[in-house]
């Protein structure tokens, strides 16, 4: 599955803040896979705009990251998203949820 920086910034916010030990380890592995490296941050100029308190980067220089999630990780993502399905979230966040749901439906975890 290809994820852009925006996807990778939103996913942690969509995951539960607590869970059992297995869920903790699954979440930790997902976060490790989607981490934005310091080299990547520098390449795209990722930074927080102090005036607007928003994270900005040069999308022209962005290269999507190909990530392979295990079936356990995909199930964890799906369950996490189902728990927030009635919440009010920005459309951009729902786009990330939709992208992952589509990958699950298509059987594409990579």
C-alpha atoms as a PDB file:
ATOM      1  CA  UNK A   1       0.000   0.000   0.000  1.00  0.00           C
ATOM      2  CA  UNK A   2       1.318   3.436  -0.897  1.00  0.00           C
ATOM      3  CA  UNK A   3       0.987   6.090   1.766  1.00  0.00           C
ATOM      4  CA  UNK A   4       1.858   9.753   1.419  1.00  0.00           C
ATOM      5  CA  UNK A   5       3.043  11.944   4.273  1.00  0.00           C
ATOM      6  CA  UNK A   6      -0.460  13.216   5.035  1.00  0.00           C
ATOM      7  CA  UNK A   7      -1.688   9.617   5.423  1.00  0.00           C
ATOM      8  CA  UNK A   8       1.223   8.814   7.694  1.00  0.00           C
ATOM      9  CA  UNK A   9       0.568  11.878   9.843  1.00  0.00           C
ATOM     10  CA  UNK A  10      -3.140  11.073  10.248  1.00  0.00           C
ATOM     11  CA  UNK A  11      -2.928   7.355  11.034  1.00  0.00           C
ATOM     12  CA  UNK A  12      -1.527   7.793  14.575  1.00  0.00           C
ATOM     13  CA  UNK A  13      -4.359  10.201  15.400  1.00  0.00           C
ATOM     14  CA  UNK A  14      -6.899   7.610  14.243  1.00  0.00           C
ATOM     15  CA  UNK A  15      -5.569   4.847  16.489  1.00  0.00           C
ATOM     16  CA  UNK A  16      -6.793   4.228  20.038  1.00  0.00           C
ATOM     17  CA  UNK A  17      -4.755   5.706  22.873  1.00  0.00           C
ATOM     18  CA  UNK A  18      -4.974   2.515  24.932  1.00  0.00           C
ATOM     19  CA  UNK A  19      -5.424  -1.211  24.530  1.00  0.00           C
ATOM     20  CA  UNK A  20      -4.128  -4.569  25.645  1.00  0.00           C
ATOM     21  CA  UNK A  21      -0.495  -5.644  25.267  1.00  0.00           C
ATOM     22  CA  UNK A  22      -1.049  -7.320  21.904  1.00  0.00           C
ATOM     23  CA  UNK A  23      -2.780  -4.206  20.546  1.00  0.00           C
ATOM     24  CA  UNK A  24       0.026  -2.055  21.923  1.00  0.00           C
ATOM     25  CA  UNK A  25       2.615  -4.119  20.056  1.00  0.00           C
ATOM     26  CA  UNK A  26       0.576  -4.120  16.852  1.00  0.00           C
ATOM     27  CA  UNK A  27       0.169  -0.346  17.052  1.00  0.00           C
ATOM     28  CA  UNK A  28       3.883   0.083  17.765  1.00  0.00           C
ATOM     29  CA  UNK A  29       4.768  -1.933  14.661  1.00  0.00           C
ATOM     30  CA  UNK A  30       2.357   0.084  12.490  1.00  0.00           C
ATOM     31  CA  UNK A  31       3.833   3.336  13.805  1.00  0.00           C
ATOM     32  CA  UNK A  32       7.346   2.036  13.095  1.00  0.00           C
ATOM     33  CA  UNK A  33       6.391   1.254   9.497  1.00  0.00           C
ATOM     34  CA  UNK A  34       4.815   4.667   8.825  1.00  0.00           C
ATOM     35  CA  UNK A  35       7.474   6.713  10.616  1.00  0.00           C
ATOM     36  CA  UNK A  36       8.736   9.747   8.726  1.00  0.00           C
ATOM     37  CA  UNK A  37      12.521   9.592   8.860  1.00  0.00           C
ATOM     38  CA  UNK A  38      14.717  12.609   9.491  1.00  0.00           C
ATOM     39  CA  UNK A  39      16.134  12.240   5.967  1.00  0.00           C
ATOM     40  CA  UNK A  40      12.625  12.299   4.527  1.00  0.00           C
ATOM     41  CA  UNK A  41      11.709  15.325   6.674  1.00  0.00           C
ATOM     42  CA  UNK A  42      14.732  17.190   5.389  1.00  0.00           C
ATOM     43  CA  UNK A  43      14.133  16.175   1.758  1.00  0.00           C
ATOM     44  CA  UNK A  44      10.546  17.509   1.701  1.00  0.00           C
ATOM     45  CA  UNK A  45      11.126  20.392   4.112  1.00  0.00           C
ATOM     46  CA  UNK A  46       8.656  19.076   6.687  1.00  0.00           C
ATOM     47  CA  UNK A  47       8.181  21.640   9.450  1.00  0.00           C
ATOM     48  CA  UNK A  48       5.558  23.259  11.641  1.00  0.00           C
ATOM     49  CA  UNK A  49       4.442  26.721  10.595  1.00  0.00           C
ATOM     50  CA  UNK A  50       4.661  28.676  13.856  1.00  0.00           C
ATOM     51  CA  UNK A  51       1.997  31.183  12.796  1.00  0.00           C
ATOM     52  CA  UNK A  52      -0.674  28.712  11.744  1.00  0.00           C
ATOM     53  CA  UNK A  53       0.462  25.780  13.948  1.00  0.00           C
ATOM     54  CA  UNK A  54       0.134  23.546  10.870  1.00  0.00           C
ATOM     55  CA  UNK A  55       2.629  21.048   9.518  1.00  0.00           C
ATOM     56  CA  UNK A  56       3.846  21.924   6.029  1.00  0.00           C
ATOM     57  CA  UNK A  57       6.073  20.291   3.409  1.00  0.00           C
ATOM     58  CA  UNK A  58       6.853  20.426  -0.285  1.00  0.00           C
ATOM     59  CA  UNK A  59       4.427  17.935  -1.839  1.00  0.00           C
ATOM     60  CA  UNK A  60       6.290  18.194  -5.160  1.00  0.00           C
ATOM     61  CA  UNK A  61       9.294  16.472  -3.557  1.00  0.00           C
ATOM     62  CA  UNK A  62       7.216  13.854  -1.773  1.00  0.00           C
ATOM     63  CA  UNK A  63       7.625  10.211  -2.746  1.00  0.00           C
ATOM     64  CA  UNK A  64       4.879   7.856  -1.504  1.00  0.00           C
ATOM     65  CA  UNK A  65       6.122   5.124   0.804  1.00  0.00           C
ATOM     66  CA  UNK A  66       5.258   1.539  -0.073  1.00  0.00           C
ATOM     67  CA  UNK A  67       4.203  -0.170   3.150  1.00  0.00           C
ATOM     68  CA  UNK A  68       3.231  -3.780   3.665  1.00  0.00           C
ATOM     69  CA  UNK A  69       0.915  -4.394   6.601  1.00  0.00           C
ATOM     70  CA  UNK A  70       0.345  -7.862   8.003  1.00  0.00           C
ATOM     71  CA  UNK A  71      -3.201  -9.202   8.212  1.00  0.00           C
ATOM     72  CA  UNK A  72      -3.062  -8.669  11.995  1.00  0.00           C
ATOM     73  CA  UNK A  73      -2.073  -5.023  11.473  1.00  0.00           C
ATOM     74  CA  UNK A  74      -4.824  -4.518   8.897  1.00  0.00           C
ATOM     75  CA  UNK A  75      -7.376  -6.039  11.296  1.00  0.00           C
ATOM     76  CA  UNK A  76      -6.165  -3.718  14.045  1.00  0.00           C
ATOM     77  CA  UNK A  77      -6.522  -0.702  11.729  1.00  0.00           C
ATOM     78  CA  UNK A  78      -9.992  -1.810  10.677  1.00  0.00           C
ATOM     79  CA  UNK A  79     -11.137  -2.330  14.278  1.00  0.00           C
ATOM     80  CA  UNK A  80      -9.662   1.031  15.281  1.00  0.00           C
ATOM     81  CA  UNK A  81     -11.467   2.808  12.463  1.00  0.00           C
ATOM     82  CA  UNK A  82     -14.757   1.072  13.254  1.00  0.00           C
ATOM     83  CA  UNK A  83     -14.561   2.428  16.815  1.00  0.00           C
ATOM     84  CA  UNK A  84     -14.392   6.014  15.527  1.00  0.00           C
ATOM     85  CA  UNK A  85     -16.898   5.640  12.697  1.00  0.00           C
ATOM     86  CA  UNK A  86     -19.484   7.843  14.423  1.00  0.00           C
ATOM     87  CA  UNK A  87     -17.049  10.627  15.314  1.00  0.00           C
ATOM     88  CA  UNK A  88     -16.875  13.962  13.521  1.00  0.00           C
ATOM     89  CA  UNK A  89     -13.502  14.157  11.737  1.00  0.00           C
ATOM     90  CA  UNK A  90     -12.085  16.228   8.866  1.00  0.00           C
ATOM     91  CA  UNK A  91     -12.635  14.820   5.384  1.00  0.00           C
ATOM     92  CA  UNK A  92      -8.881  14.330   4.943  1.00  0.00           C
ATOM     93  CA  UNK A  93      -8.869  11.882   7.839  1.00  0.00           C
ATOM     94  CA  UNK A  94     -11.802   9.938   6.413  1.00  0.00           C
ATOM     95  CA  UNK A  95      -9.906   9.740   3.117  1.00  0.00           C
ATOM     96  CA  UNK A  96      -7.113   7.859   4.902  1.00  0.00           C
ATOM     97  CA  UNK A  97      -9.652   5.525   6.514  1.00  0.00           C
ATOM     98  CA  UNK A  98     -11.237   4.939   3.108  1.00  0.00           C
ATOM     99  CA  UNK A  99      -7.859   4.198   1.506  1.00  0.00           C
ATOM    100  CA  UNK A 100      -7.100   1.522   4.093  1.00  0.00           C
ATOM    101  CA  UNK A 101     -10.616   0.049   3.945  1.00  0.00           C
ATOM    102  CA  UNK A 102     -10.328  -0.184   0.157  1.00  0.00           C
ATOM    103  CA  UNK A 103      -6.995  -1.982   0.518  1.00  0.00           C
ATOM    104  CA  UNK A 104      -8.601  -4.442   2.944  1.00  0.00           C
ATOM    105  CA  UNK A 105     -11.522  -5.028   0.564  1.00  0.00           C
ATOM    106  CA  UNK A 106      -9.172  -5.537  -2.373  1.00  0.00           C
ATOM    107  CA  UNK A 107      -6.979  -7.862  -0.321  1.00  0.00           C
ATOM    108  CA  UNK A 108      -4.019  -5.552  -0.871  1.00  0.00           C
ATOM    109  CA  UNK A 109      -1.924  -5.117   2.228  1.00  0.00           C
ATOM    110  CA  UNK A 110       1.154  -4.145   0.283  1.00  0.00           C
END
